[in-house]
Amino acid sequence: MASFNDGHGPVVLLDTNILINAASEPFDIVHQLRVMGFTRVAVPSSVLWELEAISQGRSRKLGRFARLAIKIASAFEHIDLSPVKASVDEEIIAAAKEGGHTVATSDAAMRRRLRAAGIAVLYLKDGRLIIEGDD
């Protein structure tokens, strides 16, 4: 698959939840990000590891979505973030704060934490990506 990133513009970090939703819901995350003008999108390695673990888990349906999410993630740059001992979410929040990145998530609790930290958030609503806090 051709590279999504052209090296210019703001970076969007994708979390596990948004990729699972991209695999399970009828929306094209690649197309929507491009339409919104985002040309630099990255998937942290820790998100890929989390998806791999989910794909091996007990739920066959969720495992299938996780495997599809890994394929969707191949359209984007894969990056290593500075490890944070707490969680993948903490790692993403720290990287977004440090780099001024936007985060795409479908996790409501994560969304609240990102907004409280002053980080712009992309989230899914009615099959479309919406940006919140791009001030």
Protein backbone atom coordinates (compact mmCIF):
# COMPACT_ATOMS: atom_id res chain seq x y z
CA MET A 1 0.00 0.00 0.00
CA ALA A 2 1.29 3.49 -0.80
CA SER A 3 2.50 5.63 2.05
CA PHE A 4 -0.07 7.96 3.55
CA ASN A 5 2.46 10.40 4.97
CA ASP A 6 3.94 13.17 2.87
CA GLY A 7 6.11 14.65 5.63
CA HIS A 8 4.17 17.92 5.97
CA GLY A 9 1.49 19.14 8.34
CA PRO A 10 0.36 18.14 11.80
CA VAL A 11 0.71 14.57 13.05
CA VAL A 12 -2.32 12.51 14.10
CA LEU A 13 -1.65 9.59 16.46
CA LEU A 14 -4.13 6.71 16.16
CA ASP A 15 -5.05 4.71 19.23
CA THR A 16 -6.18 1.11 19.43
CA ASN A 17 -9.85 1.96 19.82
CA ILE A 18 -10.13 4.10 16.66
CA LEU A 19 -8.44 1.37 14.61
CA ILE A 20 -10.80 -1.30 15.98
CA ASN A 21 -13.71 1.00 15.07
CA ALA A 22 -12.29 1.52 11.59
CA ALA A 23 -12.32 -2.26 11.22
CA SER A 24 -15.79 -2.81 12.64
CA GLU A 25 -17.78 0.22 11.48
CA PRO A 26 -18.66 1.33 7.95
CA PHE A 27 -16.28 4.27 7.64
CA ASP A 28 -13.04 4.80 5.74
CA ILE A 29 -10.54 6.33 8.15
CA VAL A 30 -7.88 6.84 5.47
CA HIS A 31 -10.27 8.79 3.22
CA GLN A 32 -11.72 10.84 6.08
CA LEU A 33 -8.29 11.86 7.38
CA ARG A 34 -7.27 12.97 3.90
CA VAL A 35 -10.50 14.94 3.39
CA MET A 36 -9.87 16.69 6.72
CA GLY A 37 -6.40 17.69 5.49
CA PHE A 38 -4.33 15.37 7.68
CA THR A 39 -1.41 13.99 5.72
CA ARG A 40 0.82 12.79 8.57
CA VAL A 41 -0.73 9.92 10.51
CA ALA A 42 1.17 7.58 12.80
CA VAL A 43 0.40 4.41 14.70
CA PRO A 44 2.53 3.85 17.81
CA SER A 45 4.24 0.46 18.02
CA SER A 46 2.54 -0.09 21.38
CA VAL A 47 -0.86 0.18 19.64
CA LEU A 48 0.22 -2.48 17.15
CA TRP A 49 1.33 -4.74 20.01
CA GLU A 50 -2.01 -4.17 21.74
CA LEU A 51 -3.89 -5.05 18.54
CA GLU A 52 -1.78 -8.19 18.15
CA ALA A 53 -2.64 -9.25 21.71
CA ILE A 54 -6.35 -8.62 21.07
CA SER A 55 -6.17 -10.63 17.84
CA GLN A 56 -4.91 -13.62 19.88
CA GLY A 57 -7.55 -13.21 22.61
CA ARG A 58 -10.65 -15.18 23.46
CA SER A 59 -13.18 -13.22 21.43
CA ARG A 60 -13.18 -14.45 17.84
CA LYS A 61 -15.16 -11.43 16.63
CA LEU A 62 -12.90 -8.88 18.36
CA GLY A 63 -9.85 -10.85 17.20
CA ARG A 64 -11.05 -10.62 13.62
CA PHE A 65 -11.53 -6.83 13.98
CA ALA A 66 -8.05 -6.52 15.52
CA ARG A 67 -6.46 -8.38 12.59
CA LEU A 68 -8.28 -6.09 10.15
CA ALA A 69 -7.22 -3.07 12.23
CA ILE A 70 -3.57 -4.16 11.86
CA LYS A 71 -4.07 -4.22 8.07
CA ILE A 72 -5.64 -0.74 8.16
CA ALA A 73 -2.68 0.48 10.26
CA SER A 74 -0.32 -0.56 7.46
CA ALA A 75 -1.46 2.54 5.52
CA PHE A 76 0.20 4.72 8.14
CA GLU A 77 3.65 5.34 9.54
CA HIS A 78 4.59 3.16 12.52
CA ILE A 79 6.52 4.95 15.25
CA ASP A 80 8.18 4.12 18.54
CA LEU A 81 7.20 6.48 21.33
CA SER A 82 9.10 7.07 24.53
CA PRO A 83 7.90 4.28 26.81
CA VAL A 84 5.69 5.25 29.73
CA LYS A 85 5.29 2.60 32.38
CA ALA A 86 1.59 3.20 33.04
CA SER A 87 -0.23 2.29 29.80
CA VAL A 88 -0.47 2.70 26.05
CA ASP A 89 -2.90 5.58 26.63
CA GLU A 90 -0.40 7.36 28.89
CA GLU A 91 2.29 6.88 26.25
CA ILE A 92 0.06 8.47 23.58
CA ILE A 93 -0.93 11.37 25.84
CA ALA A 94 2.71 12.09 26.73
CA ALA A 95 3.79 12.02 23.07
CA ALA A 96 0.87 14.22 21.97
CA LYS A 97 1.65 16.76 24.68
CA GLU A 98 5.35 16.80 23.89
CA GLY A 99 4.94 16.97 20.10
CA GLY A 100 1.75 19.00 19.83
CA HIS A 101 0.05 16.11 18.03
CA THR A 102 -3.66 15.42 17.55
CA VAL A 103 -4.97 12.05 18.79
CA ALA A 104 -7.70 10.01 17.10
CA THR A 105 -9.67 7.88 19.56
CA SER A 106 -13.13 6.43 20.05
CA ASP A 107 -12.58 5.95 23.78
CA ALA A 108 -14.71 8.50 25.69
CA ALA A 109 -12.55 8.39 28.82
CA MET A 110 -9.39 8.89 26.76
CA ARG A 111 -11.06 11.75 24.94
CA ARG A 112 -11.82 13.50 28.24
CA ARG A 113 -8.23 13.03 29.43
CA LEU A 114 -6.83 14.40 26.19
CA ARG A 115 -9.09 17.46 26.26
CA ALA A 116 -8.19 18.09 29.93
CA ALA A 117 -4.54 18.08 28.84
CA GLY A 118 -5.28 20.57 26.05
CA ILE A 119 -4.73 18.06 23.23
CA ALA A 120 -6.82 18.17 20.05
CA VAL A 121 -8.91 15.03 19.55
CA LEU A 122 -10.45 13.34 16.54
CA TYR A 123 -13.36 11.08 17.37
CA LEU A 124 -16.03 9.13 15.54
CA LYS A 125 -19.61 10.41 15.50
CA ASP A 126 -22.33 9.14 13.17
CA GLY A 127 -19.75 7.48 10.91
CA ARG A 128 -17.63 10.62 10.53
CA LEU A 129 -14.48 11.90 12.19
CA ILE A 130 -15.01 15.09 14.19
CA ILE A 131 -12.22 17.28 15.55
CA GLU A 132 -12.48 18.70 19.04
CA GLY A 133 -10.15 21.25 20.59
CA ASP A 134 -8.29 22.39 17.50
CA ASP A 135 -7.91 25.89 18.92
